[in-house]
Amino acid sequence: MPIVATTLELLAEHGPLGPVWWRFGRPGRHSLIEALENPNNRAACDQRQAAREDEEHKAHQELMDSLVCIDCGEVPEEESTWEYGRQGQVEWTRRPGGRCWPCHQDREERLEREAEEQLEAARTANAALRPCWTCRGSIGGQEGSLLELTEKAGPDRLECPQCERDRAEKDLGPLVLPAPTKRERVAALVSAPDDPWWEDRVLHARLYPAKGRRV
């Protein structure tokens, strides 16, 4: 709202339409019409609005530049967008130092494939080893179980993870294999025994005395 002022002397000398008015915020004297006009207000308002929009756009672009995908280098236009995923539409929020939705999805699928390949390789390697002494199953554990190994079992392993856990829960102590019988020892002098645990049985017979052993 414009605020104007004058004096009685100026009004008497020039009249109300003469250059007798001061407008607060402007230098010099003006006629009443000039004092009440706001010729530059709209342009100044538009200029200030344009400056604010430029600042907002600059800040937005700086944010988007920080959300560049670390895999493909794509710069997003929006911080969060709706994308079509494997389970329908999902809201994917970009993070600094993160990935776009397609690259994130590709990475998750690749990690799943690598984990499956690692598991299959472990299963193949474990299948070539001797079975579990207790359950006679795979030394790596029951396929699909939570305790199934994801790495090749060591050659000295005697039980699968499930049987080892059961032994620990029941406080059965370490597994000690049956000592070779006299007949088996004699037969071993002629040909190698058809027993995948033979060497461990011979070793256990030397390490653990026969009296009081738990099998």
N, C-alpha and C. Protein backbone atom coordinates (compact mmCIF):
# COMPACT_ATOMS: atom_id res chain seq x y z
N MET A 1 0.86 -1.18 0.00
CA MET A 1 0.00 0.00 0.00
C MET A 1 0.90 1.24 0.00
N PRO A 2 0.75 2.12 -0.99
CA PRO A 2 1.58 3.33 -1.04
C PRO A 2 1.20 4.31 0.06
N ILE A 3 2.20 4.98 0.62
CA ILE A 3 2.01 6.02 1.64
C ILE A 3 2.59 7.32 1.09
N VAL A 4 1.75 8.35 0.95
CA VAL A 4 2.18 9.64 0.37
C VAL A 4 1.96 10.76 1.39
N ALA A 5 2.69 11.85 1.19
CA ALA A 5 2.57 13.01 2.10
C ALA A 5 2.93 14.30 1.34
N THR A 6 2.45 15.41 1.84
CA THR A 6 2.77 16.72 1.26
C THR A 6 2.62 17.77 2.35
N THR A 7 2.69 19.05 1.96
CA THR A 7 2.51 20.15 2.92
C THR A 7 1.42 21.09 2.41
N LEU A 8 0.85 21.87 3.29
CA LEU A 8 -0.19 22.83 2.89
C LEU A 8 0.38 23.90 1.96
N GLU A 9 1.63 24.30 2.19
CA GLU A 9 2.23 25.31 1.34
C GLU A 9 2.33 24.82 -0.11
N LEU A 10 2.78 23.57 -0.30
CA LEU A 10 2.89 23.03 -1.65
C LEU A 10 1.52 22.86 -2.30
N LEU A 11 0.54 22.45 -1.51
CA LEU A 11 -0.82 22.31 -2.05
C LEU A 11 -1.36 23.67 -2.49
N ALA A 12 -1.08 24.68 -1.70
CA ALA A 12 -1.57 26.01 -2.06
C ALA A 12 -0.85 26.54 -3.29
N GLU A 13 0.42 26.18 -3.44
CA GLU A 13 1.19 26.71 -4.57
C GLU A 13 0.93 25.97 -5.87
N HIS A 14 0.83 24.62 -5.82
CA HIS A 14 0.73 23.82 -7.06
C HIS A 14 -0.60 23.08 -7.20
N GLY A 15 -1.39 23.02 -6.15
CA GLY A 15 -2.64 22.28 -6.23
C GLY A 15 -2.41 20.79 -5.98
N PRO A 16 -3.47 20.02 -5.77
CA PRO A 16 -3.33 18.60 -5.43
C PRO A 16 -2.80 17.73 -6.57
N LEU A 17 -2.93 18.23 -7.82
CA LEU A 17 -2.46 17.43 -8.96
C LEU A 17 -1.03 17.80 -9.36
N GLY A 18 -0.44 18.77 -8.72
CA GLY A 18 0.92 19.16 -9.05
C GLY A 18 1.95 18.27 -8.39
N PRO A 19 3.25 18.51 -8.67
CA PRO A 19 4.33 17.69 -8.08
C PRO A 19 4.60 18.06 -6.64
N VAL A 20 3.64 17.74 -5.80
CA VAL A 20 3.75 18.13 -4.40
C VAL A 20 3.80 16.93 -3.44
N TRP A 21 3.79 15.72 -3.97
CA TRP A 21 3.66 14.52 -3.13
C TRP A 21 4.98 13.76 -3.03
N TRP A 22 5.25 13.41 -1.79
CA TRP A 22 6.37 12.47 -1.55
C TRP A 22 5.79 11.06 -1.29
N ARG A 23 6.44 10.11 -1.88
CA ARG A 23 6.04 8.71 -1.60
C ARG A 23 7.16 8.04 -0.81
N PHE A 24 6.76 7.46 0.29
CA PHE A 24 7.75 6.79 1.14
C PHE A 24 8.43 5.67 0.35
N GLY A 25 9.75 5.71 0.36
CA GLY A 25 10.52 4.71 -0.36
C GLY A 25 10.99 5.16 -1.72
N ARG A 26 10.57 6.35 -2.16
CA ARG A 26 11.01 6.90 -3.46
C ARG A 26 11.58 8.30 -3.25
N PRO A 27 12.59 8.64 -4.04
CA PRO A 27 13.15 10.00 -3.92
C PRO A 27 12.33 11.01 -4.73
N GLY A 28 12.44 12.28 -4.37
CA GLY A 28 11.82 13.36 -5.13
C GLY A 28 10.34 13.52 -4.88
N ARG A 29 9.75 14.56 -5.59
CA ARG A 29 8.32 14.83 -5.48
C ARG A 29 7.63 14.39 -6.76
N HIS A 30 6.37 13.97 -6.59
CA HIS A 30 5.62 13.43 -7.72
C HIS A 30 4.21 13.99 -7.70
N SER A 31 3.57 13.88 -8.86
CA SER A 31 2.14 14.17 -8.89
C SER A 31 1.41 13.05 -8.18
N LEU A 32 0.17 13.28 -7.87
CA LEU A 32 -0.59 12.28 -7.11
C LEU A 32 -0.68 10.96 -7.87
N ILE A 33 -0.91 11.04 -9.19
CA ILE A 33 -1.03 9.80 -10.00
C ILE A 33 0.28 9.05 -10.01
N GLU A 34 1.39 9.80 -10.21
CA GLU A 34 2.70 9.15 -10.23
C GLU A 34 3.04 8.54 -8.87
N ALA A 35 2.65 9.23 -7.80
CA ALA A 35 2.97 8.74 -6.47
C ALA A 35 2.21 7.46 -6.13
N LEU A 36 1.00 7.36 -6.70
CA LEU A 36 0.18 6.19 -6.39
C LEU A 36 0.44 5.01 -7.32
N GLU A 37 1.12 5.23 -8.43
CA GLU A 37 1.36 4.16 -9.40
C GLU A 37 2.47 3.22 -8.89
N ASN A 38 2.37 1.95 -9.38
CA ASN A 38 3.39 0.94 -9.10
C ASN A 38 3.85 0.31 -10.41
N PRO A 39 4.52 1.07 -11.25
CA PRO A 39 4.84 0.58 -12.59
C PRO A 39 5.82 -0.60 -12.59
N ASN A 40 6.69 -0.72 -11.58
CA ASN A 40 7.72 -1.75 -11.61
C ASN A 40 7.42 -2.94 -10.70
N ASN A 41 6.31 -2.88 -9.99
CA ASN A 41 6.04 -3.94 -9.01
C ASN A 41 5.90 -5.31 -9.67
N ARG A 42 5.13 -5.42 -10.75
CA ARG A 42 4.91 -6.71 -11.40
C ARG A 42 6.21 -7.27 -11.97
N ALA A 43 6.97 -6.42 -12.62
CA ALA A 43 8.24 -6.88 -13.18
C ALA A 43 9.20 -7.31 -12.08
N ALA A 44 9.25 -6.53 -10.98
CA ALA A 44 10.12 -6.89 -9.88
C ALA A 44 9.69 -8.20 -9.22
N CYS A 45 8.37 -8.38 -9.10
CA CYS A 45 7.85 -9.63 -8.53
C CYS A 45 8.21 -10.82 -9.42
N ASP A 46 8.04 -10.63 -10.74
CA ASP A 46 8.39 -11.71 -11.67
C ASP A 46 9.87 -12.02 -11.61
N GLN A 47 10.68 -11.00 -11.47
CA GLN A 47 12.12 -11.21 -11.39
C GLN A 47 12.51 -11.97 -10.14
N ARG A 48 11.89 -11.59 -9.01
CA ARG A 48 12.19 -12.31 -7.77
C ARG A 48 11.73 -13.76 -7.84
N GLN A 49 10.56 -13.96 -8.45
CA GLN A 49 10.05 -15.33 -8.60
C GLN A 49 10.97 -16.16 -9.49
N ALA A 50 11.45 -15.55 -10.59
CA ALA A 50 12.36 -16.26 -11.48
C ALA A 50 13.66 -16.61 -10.77
N ALA A 51 14.15 -15.69 -9.92
CA ALA A 51 15.38 -15.96 -9.17
C ALA A 51 15.18 -17.11 -8.19
N ARG A 52 14.01 -17.13 -7.53
CA ARG A 52 13.74 -18.24 -6.60
C ARG A 52 13.66 -19.57 -7.35
N GLU A 53 13.01 -19.55 -8.51
CA GLU A 53 12.90 -20.78 -9.30
C GLU A 53 14.27 -21.26 -9.78
N ASP A 54 15.14 -20.31 -10.15
CA ASP A 54 16.49 -20.69 -10.57
C ASP A 54 17.24 -21.34 -9.42
N GLU A 55 17.11 -20.79 -8.22
CA GLU A 55 17.79 -21.36 -7.05
C GLU A 55 17.25 -22.75 -6.74
N GLU A 56 15.93 -22.90 -6.82
CA GLU A 56 15.33 -24.21 -6.56
C GLU A 56 15.78 -25.23 -7.61
N HIS A 57 15.81 -24.80 -8.86
CA HIS A 57 16.24 -25.71 -9.92
C HIS A 57 17.71 -26.10 -9.73
N LYS A 58 18.54 -25.15 -9.34
CA LYS A 58 19.95 -25.44 -9.11
C LYS A 58 20.13 -26.42 -7.96
N ALA A 59 19.40 -26.19 -6.86
CA ALA A 59 19.48 -27.10 -5.72
C ALA A 59 18.98 -28.49 -6.09
N HIS A 60 17.89 -28.55 -6.88
CA HIS A 60 17.36 -29.84 -7.32
C HIS A 60 18.36 -30.56 -8.21
N GLN A 61 19.00 -29.84 -9.11
CA GLN A 61 19.95 -30.47 -10.02
C GLN A 61 21.17 -30.98 -9.25
N GLU A 62 21.60 -30.21 -8.25
CA GLU A 62 22.73 -30.67 -7.42
C GLU A 62 22.36 -31.95 -6.69
N LEU A 63 21.12 -32.04 -6.20
CA LEU A 63 20.67 -33.25 -5.53
C LEU A 63 20.63 -34.42 -6.51
N MET A 64 20.09 -34.19 -7.71
CA MET A 64 20.03 -35.26 -8.69
C MET A 64 21.42 -35.72 -9.12
N ASP A 65 22.35 -34.77 -9.22
CA ASP A 65 23.72 -35.14 -9.58
C ASP A 65 24.35 -36.03 -8.52
N SER A 66 23.95 -35.84 -7.25
CA SER A 66 24.48 -36.68 -6.17
C SER A 66 23.86 -38.07 -6.19
N LEU A 67 22.76 -38.26 -6.92
CA LEU A 67 22.06 -39.55 -6.98
C LEU A 67 22.39 -40.32 -8.24
N VAL A 68 23.49 -39.96 -8.92
CA VAL A 68 23.86 -40.65 -10.15
C VAL A 68 24.10 -42.13 -9.85
N CYS A 69 23.64 -43.00 -10.74
CA CYS A 69 23.79 -44.44 -10.55
C CYS A 69 25.27 -44.82 -10.66
N ILE A 70 25.77 -45.58 -9.70
CA ILE A 70 27.19 -45.94 -9.69
C ILE A 70 27.51 -47.01 -10.73
N ASP A 71 26.49 -47.63 -11.32
CA ASP A 71 26.75 -48.67 -12.33
C ASP A 71 26.66 -48.12 -13.75
N CYS A 72 25.54 -47.48 -14.09
CA CYS A 72 25.34 -47.02 -15.46
C CYS A 72 25.58 -45.53 -15.63
N GLY A 73 25.69 -44.77 -14.53
CA GLY A 73 25.94 -43.34 -14.63
C GLY A 73 24.72 -42.51 -14.96
N GLU A 74 23.53 -43.10 -14.93
CA GLU A 74 22.31 -42.37 -15.26
C GLU A 74 21.97 -41.40 -14.13
N VAL A 75 21.61 -40.15 -14.52
CA VAL A 75 21.22 -39.13 -13.56
C VAL A 75 19.70 -39.05 -13.54
N PRO A 76 19.04 -39.23 -12.38
CA PRO A 76 17.58 -39.24 -12.35
C PRO A 76 16.99 -37.85 -12.50
N GLU A 77 15.74 -37.81 -12.91
CA GLU A 77 15.01 -36.55 -12.98
C GLU A 77 14.22 -36.31 -11.70
N GLU A 78 13.87 -37.39 -10.99
CA GLU A 78 13.13 -37.29 -9.75
C GLU A 78 13.80 -38.14 -8.69
N GLU A 79 13.65 -37.72 -7.44
CA GLU A 79 14.27 -38.45 -6.34
C GLU A 79 13.59 -39.80 -6.13
N SER A 80 12.28 -39.86 -6.27
CA SER A 80 11.53 -41.10 -6.12
C SER A 80 10.59 -41.24 -7.31
N THR A 81 10.58 -42.40 -7.90
CA THR A 81 9.70 -42.65 -9.04
C THR A 81 9.08 -44.03 -8.89
N TRP A 82 7.95 -44.21 -9.50
CA TRP A 82 7.30 -45.52 -9.52
C TRP A 82 7.80 -46.29 -10.73
N GLU A 83 8.34 -47.49 -10.46
CA GLU A 83 8.87 -48.33 -11.52
C GLU A 83 8.11 -49.66 -11.47
N TYR A 84 8.14 -50.38 -12.60
CA TYR A 84 7.49 -51.69 -12.63
C TYR A 84 8.53 -52.75 -12.27
N GLY A 85 8.32 -53.42 -11.16
CA GLY A 85 9.25 -54.44 -10.68
C GLY A 85 8.67 -55.83 -10.82
N ARG A 86 9.37 -56.79 -10.21
CA ARG A 86 8.94 -58.19 -10.33
C ARG A 86 7.62 -58.46 -9.62
N GLN A 87 7.30 -57.66 -8.62
CA GLN A 87 6.06 -57.85 -7.87
C GLN A 87 5.08 -56.71 -8.14
N GLY A 88 5.14 -56.15 -9.32
CA GLY A 88 4.26 -55.03 -9.66
C GLY A 88 4.98 -53.72 -9.46
N GLN A 89 4.21 -52.66 -9.23
CA GLN A 89 4.81 -51.34 -9.07
C GLN A 89 5.42 -51.19 -7.68
N VAL A 90 6.63 -50.68 -7.64
CA VAL A 90 7.31 -50.43 -6.38
C VAL A 90 7.88 -49.02 -6.41
N GLU A 91 7.95 -48.39 -5.24
CA GLU A 91 8.54 -47.06 -5.15
C GLU A 91 10.02 -47.21 -4.86
N TRP A 92 10.84 -46.73 -5.78
CA TRP A 92 12.28 -46.88 -5.64
C TRP A 92 12.88 -45.51 -5.36
N THR A 93 13.43 -45.31 -4.17
CA THR A 93 14.03 -44.04 -3.77
C THR A 93 15.52 -44.09 -4.02
N ARG A 94 16.01 -43.14 -4.80
CA ARG A 94 17.44 -43.10 -5.11
C ARG A 94 18.22 -42.64 -3.88
N ARG A 95 19.41 -43.20 -3.70
CA ARG A 95 20.29 -42.84 -2.59
C ARG A 95 21.64 -42.40 -3.14
N PRO A 96 22.30 -41.42 -2.47
CA PRO A 96 23.65 -41.05 -2.90
C PRO A 96 24.58 -42.26 -2.86
N GLY A 97 25.32 -42.47 -3.93
CA GLY A 97 26.21 -43.61 -4.01
C GLY A 97 25.49 -44.92 -4.27
N GLY A 98 24.21 -44.84 -4.68
CA GLY A 98 23.41 -46.04 -4.92
C GLY A 98 23.22 -46.32 -6.40
N ARG A 99 22.18 -47.08 -6.68
CA ARG A 99 21.91 -47.52 -8.04
C ARG A 99 20.49 -47.16 -8.45
N CYS A 100 20.30 -47.06 -9.75
CA CYS A 100 18.95 -46.89 -10.26
C CYS A 100 18.22 -48.23 -10.13
N TRP A 101 16.90 -48.21 -10.31
CA TRP A 101 16.12 -49.45 -10.12
C TRP A 101 16.53 -50.57 -11.07
N PRO A 102 16.71 -50.33 -12.38
CA PRO A 102 17.13 -51.44 -13.25
C PRO A 102 18.49 -52.03 -12.84
N CYS A 103 19.45 -51.16 -12.49
CA CYS A 103 20.77 -51.67 -12.08
C CYS A 103 20.67 -52.41 -10.75
N HIS A 104 19.85 -51.90 -9.84
CA HIS A 104 19.65 -52.59 -8.56
C HIS A 104 19.05 -53.97 -8.79
N GLN A 105 18.05 -54.04 -9.67
CA GLN A 105 17.41 -55.31 -9.97
C GLN A 105 18.39 -56.28 -10.63
N ASP A 106 19.18 -55.77 -11.58
CA ASP A 106 20.17 -56.62 -12.25
C ASP A 106 21.19 -57.15 -11.25
N ARG A 107 21.62 -56.30 -10.32
CA ARG A 107 22.61 -56.73 -9.32
C ARG A 107 22.04 -57.79 -8.39
N GLU A 108 20.78 -57.59 -7.95
CA GLU A 108 20.17 -58.59 -7.06
C GLU A 108 20.04 -59.93 -7.77
N GLU A 109 19.64 -59.91 -9.04
CA GLU A 109 19.52 -61.16 -9.79
C GLU A 109 20.88 -61.81 -9.99
N ARG A 110 21.91 -60.99 -10.25
CA ARG A 110 23.26 -61.54 -10.44
C ARG A 110 23.77 -62.17 -9.14
N LEU A 111 23.54 -61.51 -8.01
CA LEU A 111 23.97 -62.08 -6.73
C LEU A 111 23.23 -63.38 -6.42
N GLU A 112 21.95 -63.43 -6.78
CA GLU A 112 21.19 -64.66 -6.57
C GLU A 112 21.74 -65.80 -7.43
N ARG A 113 22.08 -65.46 -8.69
CA ARG A 113 22.64 -66.48 -9.58
C ARG A 113 23.99 -66.97 -9.06
N GLU A 114 24.84 -66.02 -8.60
CA GLU A 114 26.15 -66.42 -8.09
C GLU A 114 26.02 -67.28 -6.84
N ALA A 115 25.07 -66.93 -5.96
CA ALA A 115 24.87 -67.73 -4.75
C ALA A 115 24.38 -69.13 -5.11
N GLU A 116 23.48 -69.22 -6.10
CA GLU A 116 22.97 -70.52 -6.53
C GLU A 116 24.08 -71.35 -7.18
N GLU A 117 24.92 -70.69 -7.98
CA GLU A 117 26.04 -71.41 -8.60
C GLU A 117 27.03 -71.90 -7.55
N GLN A 118 27.28 -71.07 -6.53
CA GLN A 118 28.17 -71.48 -5.46
C GLN A 118 27.61 -72.66 -4.70
N LEU A 119 26.30 -72.62 -4.45
CA LEU A 119 25.67 -73.71 -3.73
C LEU A 119 25.69 -74.99 -4.54
N GLU A 120 25.42 -74.90 -5.84
CA GLU A 120 25.44 -76.08 -6.70
C GLU A 120 26.84 -76.67 -6.78
N ALA A 121 27.86 -75.78 -6.83
CA ALA A 121 29.24 -76.28 -6.87
C ALA A 121 29.57 -77.01 -5.57
N ALA A 122 29.10 -76.46 -4.43
CA ALA A 122 29.33 -77.12 -3.15
C ALA A 122 28.63 -78.46 -3.10
N ARG A 123 27.41 -78.50 -3.61
CA ARG A 123 26.67 -79.77 -3.60
C ARG A 123 27.39 -80.82 -4.45
N THR A 124 27.90 -80.39 -5.60
CA THR A 124 28.60 -81.33 -6.48
C THR A 124 29.87 -81.85 -5.81
N ALA A 125 30.61 -80.90 -5.17
CA ALA A 125 31.84 -81.32 -4.48
C ALA A 125 31.54 -82.22 -3.30
N ASN A 126 30.51 -81.90 -2.54
CA ASN A 126 30.17 -82.71 -1.36
C ASN A 126 29.65 -84.08 -1.76
N ALA A 127 28.97 -84.16 -2.93
CA ALA A 127 28.44 -85.45 -3.38
C ALA A 127 29.57 -86.42 -3.71
N ALA A 128 30.74 -85.88 -4.07
CA ALA A 128 31.87 -86.74 -4.39
C ALA A 128 32.59 -87.24 -3.15
N LEU A 129 32.30 -86.65 -1.98
CA LEU A 129 32.93 -87.08 -0.75
C LEU A 129 32.13 -88.22 -0.12
N ARG A 130 32.70 -88.80 0.92
CA ARG A 130 31.98 -89.85 1.62
C ARG A 130 30.75 -89.28 2.31
N PRO A 131 29.72 -90.07 2.55
CA PRO A 131 28.50 -89.57 3.17
C PRO A 131 28.68 -89.33 4.67
N CYS A 132 27.65 -88.77 5.28
CA CYS A 132 27.62 -88.56 6.73
C CYS A 132 27.59 -89.91 7.43
N TRP A 133 28.44 -90.10 8.47
CA TRP A 133 28.50 -91.38 9.17
C TRP A 133 27.18 -91.70 9.87
N THR A 134 26.51 -90.69 10.42
CA THR A 134 25.33 -90.93 11.24
C THR A 134 24.08 -91.16 10.40
N CYS A 135 23.81 -90.27 9.47
CA CYS A 135 22.56 -90.39 8.70
C CYS A 135 22.76 -90.97 7.31
N ARG A 136 24.01 -91.14 6.91
CA ARG A 136 24.37 -91.68 5.60
C ARG A 136 23.91 -90.79 4.44
N GLY A 137 23.55 -89.53 4.76
CA GLY A 137 23.18 -88.58 3.71
C GLY A 137 24.40 -87.80 3.24
N SER A 138 24.15 -86.74 2.46
CA SER A 138 25.24 -85.91 1.96
C SER A 138 26.00 -85.27 3.12
N ILE A 139 27.32 -85.24 3.01
CA ILE A 139 28.14 -84.64 4.07
C ILE A 139 27.88 -83.14 4.17
N GLY A 140 27.33 -82.55 3.11
CA GLY A 140 27.01 -81.13 3.13
C GLY A 140 25.71 -80.80 3.82
N GLY A 141 24.90 -81.80 4.10
CA GLY A 141 23.61 -81.57 4.74
C GLY A 141 22.47 -81.81 3.79
N GLN A 142 21.28 -81.92 4.35
CA GLN A 142 20.09 -82.16 3.54
C GLN A 142 19.87 -81.01 2.58
N GLU A 143 19.63 -81.31 1.33
CA GLU A 143 19.48 -80.28 0.31
C GLU A 143 18.30 -79.36 0.65
N GLY A 144 18.58 -78.06 0.63
CA GLY A 144 17.56 -77.07 0.93
C GLY A 144 17.40 -76.76 2.40
N SER A 145 18.15 -77.44 3.26
CA SER A 145 18.04 -77.18 4.70
C SER A 145 18.81 -75.91 5.05
N LEU A 146 18.48 -75.34 6.22
CA LEU A 146 19.15 -74.13 6.66
C LEU A 146 20.62 -74.38 6.97
N LEU A 147 20.98 -75.61 7.30
CA LEU A 147 22.35 -75.93 7.68
C LEU A 147 23.18 -76.48 6.52
N GLU A 148 22.59 -76.52 5.34
CA GLU A 148 23.34 -77.05 4.20
C GLU A 148 24.58 -76.20 3.94
N LEU A 149 25.71 -76.85 3.73
CA LEU A 149 26.96 -76.13 3.50
C LEU A 149 26.92 -75.38 2.18
N THR A 150 27.58 -74.25 2.15
CA THR A 150 27.72 -73.49 0.90
C THR A 150 29.17 -73.54 0.43
N GLU A 151 30.00 -74.30 1.12
CA GLU A 151 31.37 -74.50 0.71
C GLU A 151 31.67 -75.99 0.75
N LYS A 152 32.73 -76.36 0.04
CA LYS A 152 33.12 -77.77 0.00
C LYS A 152 33.50 -78.24 1.40
N ALA A 153 32.97 -79.37 1.79
CA ALA A 153 33.29 -79.92 3.11
C ALA A 153 34.73 -80.43 3.13
N GLY A 154 35.35 -80.34 4.29
CA GLY A 154 36.72 -80.85 4.43
C GLY A 154 36.75 -82.37 4.36
N PRO A 155 37.89 -82.95 3.94
CA PRO A 155 37.98 -84.41 3.80
C PRO A 155 37.91 -85.15 5.13
N ASP A 156 38.14 -84.42 6.25
CA ASP A 156 38.09 -85.09 7.55
C ASP A 156 36.72 -84.99 8.21
N ARG A 157 35.75 -84.37 7.54
CA ARG A 157 34.42 -84.25 8.13
C ARG A 157 33.75 -85.62 8.16
N LEU A 158 33.14 -85.94 9.28
CA LEU A 158 32.49 -87.23 9.45
C LEU A 158 30.98 -87.14 9.47
N GLU A 159 30.45 -85.97 9.87
CA GLU A 159 29.01 -85.82 9.96
C GLU A 159 28.56 -84.56 9.23
N CYS A 160 27.30 -84.57 8.81
CA CYS A 160 26.72 -83.40 8.18
C CYS A 160 26.39 -82.36 9.26
N PRO A 161 26.14 -81.12 8.89
CA PRO A 161 25.87 -80.08 9.90
C PRO A 161 24.70 -80.40 10.82
N GLN A 162 23.64 -81.02 10.29
CA GLN A 162 22.49 -81.33 11.12
C GLN A 162 22.84 -82.36 12.19
N CYS A 163 23.57 -83.40 11.80
CA CYS A 163 23.95 -84.43 12.77
C CYS A 163 24.94 -83.88 13.80
N GLU A 164 25.82 -82.99 13.37
CA GLU A 164 26.75 -82.35 14.30
C GLU A 164 25.99 -81.51 15.33
N ARG A 165 24.98 -80.78 14.85
CA ARG A 165 24.20 -79.97 15.78
C ARG A 165 23.42 -80.85 16.75
N ASP A 166 22.82 -81.93 16.24
CA ASP A 166 22.08 -82.84 17.12
C ASP A 166 23.01 -83.45 18.18
N ARG A 167 24.23 -83.79 17.78
CA ARG A 167 25.18 -84.37 18.72
C ARG A 167 25.53 -83.36 19.82
N ALA A 168 25.69 -82.09 19.41
CA ALA A 168 26.03 -81.06 20.41
C ALA A 168 24.85 -80.81 21.35
N GLU A 169 23.62 -80.78 20.81
CA GLU A 169 22.45 -80.53 21.65
C GLU A 169 22.23 -81.66 22.65
N LYS A 170 22.57 -82.88 22.26
CA LYS A 170 22.38 -84.03 23.14
C LYS A 170 23.61 -84.30 24.01
N ASP A 171 24.65 -83.46 23.85
CA ASP A 171 25.88 -83.57 24.63
C ASP A 171 26.45 -84.99 24.54
N LEU A 172 26.58 -85.47 23.30
CA LEU A 172 27.09 -86.82 23.08
C LEU A 172 28.61 -86.87 22.98
N GLY A 173 29.25 -85.71 22.97
CA GLY A 173 30.70 -85.70 22.85
C GLY A 173 31.14 -85.90 21.42
N PRO A 174 32.44 -85.93 21.17
CA PRO A 174 32.94 -86.09 19.80
C PRO A 174 32.62 -87.46 19.24
N LEU A 175 32.48 -87.52 17.93
CA LEU A 175 32.19 -88.79 17.27
C LEU A 175 33.46 -89.64 17.23
N VAL A 176 33.36 -90.87 17.71
CA VAL A 176 34.46 -91.83 17.67
C VAL A 176 34.00 -93.04 16.87
N LEU A 177 34.69 -93.33 15.78
CA LEU A 177 34.27 -94.42 14.90
C LEU A 177 34.65 -95.78 15.51
N PRO A 178 33.91 -96.83 15.16
CA PRO A 178 34.24 -98.17 15.68
C PRO A 178 35.63 -98.61 15.24
N ALA A 179 36.35 -99.22 16.14
CA ALA A 179 37.70 -99.71 15.80
C ALA A 179 37.59 -100.88 14.82
N PRO A 180 38.53 -101.00 13.91
CA PRO A 180 38.51 -102.13 12.97
C PRO A 180 38.62 -103.46 13.72
N THR A 181 37.88 -104.43 13.25
CA THR A 181 37.96 -105.76 13.85
C THR A 181 39.23 -106.47 13.36
N LYS A 182 39.54 -107.59 14.05
CA LYS A 182 40.73 -108.35 13.66
C LYS A 182 40.59 -108.87 12.24
N ARG A 183 39.38 -109.29 11.89
CA ARG A 183 39.16 -109.81 10.54
C ARG A 183 39.36 -108.71 9.51
N GLU A 184 38.88 -107.51 9.81
CA GLU A 184 39.04 -106.39 8.88
C GLU A 184 40.50 -106.00 8.72
N ARG A 185 41.28 -106.06 9.80
CA ARG A 185 42.70 -105.74 9.72
C ARG A 185 43.43 -106.74 8.85
N VAL A 186 43.08 -107.99 8.99
CA VAL A 186 43.73 -109.03 8.18
C VAL A 186 43.37 -108.85 6.72
N ALA A 187 42.10 -108.57 6.44
CA ALA A 187 41.67 -108.37 5.06
C ALA A 187 42.34 -107.15 4.45
N ALA A 188 42.62 -106.13 5.27
CA ALA A 188 43.25 -104.91 4.77
C ALA A 188 44.68 -105.16 4.32
N LEU A 189 45.31 -106.24 4.83
CA LEU A 189 46.66 -106.55 4.40
C LEU A 189 46.68 -107.06 2.96
N VAL A 190 45.56 -107.60 2.52
CA VAL A 190 45.47 -108.16 1.17
C VAL A 190 45.02 -107.12 0.15
N SER A 191 43.99 -106.37 0.49
CA SER A 191 43.46 -105.35 -0.44
C SER A 191 42.89 -104.19 0.38
N ALA A 192 42.80 -103.04 -0.28
CA ALA A 192 42.26 -101.86 0.40
C ALA A 192 40.80 -102.09 0.75
N PRO A 193 40.43 -101.80 1.98
CA PRO A 193 39.03 -102.01 2.39
C PRO A 193 38.07 -101.10 1.62
N ASP A 194 36.91 -101.67 1.33
CA ASP A 194 35.86 -100.89 0.67
C ASP A 194 35.06 -100.14 1.73
N ASP A 195 35.74 -99.23 2.41
CA ASP A 195 35.14 -98.51 3.52
C ASP A 195 35.64 -97.06 3.48
N PRO A 196 34.77 -96.09 3.17
CA PRO A 196 35.23 -94.69 3.06
C PRO A 196 35.74 -94.12 4.37
N TRP A 197 35.40 -94.77 5.49
CA TRP A 197 35.83 -94.26 6.79
C TRP A 197 37.01 -95.07 7.36
N TRP A 198 37.61 -95.95 6.56
CA TRP A 198 38.62 -96.88 7.07
C TRP A 198 39.79 -96.16 7.74
N GLU A 199 40.36 -95.19 7.07
CA GLU A 199 41.52 -94.51 7.64
C GLU A 199 41.17 -93.81 8.95
N ASP A 200 39.96 -93.23 9.01
CA ASP A 200 39.55 -92.57 10.26
C ASP A 200 39.31 -93.59 11.36
N ARG A 201 38.80 -94.75 11.01
CA ARG A 201 38.58 -95.78 12.02
C ARG A 201 39.91 -96.27 12.59
N VAL A 202 40.90 -96.44 11.71
CA VAL A 202 42.23 -96.84 12.18
C VAL A 202 42.84 -95.76 13.07
N LEU A 203 42.68 -94.49 12.63
CA LEU A 203 43.22 -93.38 13.42
C LEU A 203 42.54 -93.28 14.78
N HIS A 204 41.22 -93.43 14.81
CA HIS A 204 40.48 -93.35 16.07
C HIS A 204 40.86 -94.50 17.00
N ALA A 205 41.17 -95.65 16.42
CA ALA A 205 41.56 -96.79 17.25
C ALA A 205 42.86 -96.50 17.99
N ARG A 206 43.76 -95.72 17.37
CA ARG A 206 45.02 -95.37 18.02
C ARG A 206 44.83 -94.23 19.02
N LEU A 207 43.95 -93.25 18.69
CA LEU A 207 43.79 -92.07 19.53
C LEU A 207 42.91 -92.32 20.75
N TYR A 208 41.93 -93.19 20.61
CA TYR A 208 40.98 -93.41 21.71
C TYR A 208 41.10 -94.85 22.20
N PRO A 209 41.35 -95.05 23.45
CA PRO A 209 41.42 -96.43 23.98
C PRO A 209 40.06 -97.11 23.89
N ALA A 210 40.09 -98.40 23.79
CA ALA A 210 38.85 -99.14 23.62
C ALA A 210 37.95 -99.04 24.86
N LYS A 211 38.56 -98.95 26.04
CA LYS A 211 37.78 -98.92 27.28
C LYS A 211 37.08 -97.58 27.42
N GLY A 212 35.78 -97.60 27.57
CA GLY A 212 35.00 -96.39 27.86
C GLY A 212 34.77 -95.50 26.65
N ARG A 213 35.08 -95.96 25.45
CA ARG A 213 34.83 -95.10 24.29
C ARG A 213 33.34 -95.05 23.97
N ARG A 214 32.87 -93.85 23.54
CA ARG A 214 31.46 -93.68 23.15
C ARG A 214 31.41 -93.51 21.64
N VAL A 215 30.58 -94.29 21.00
CA VAL A 215 30.48 -94.28 19.54
C VAL A 215 29.18 -93.66 19.14
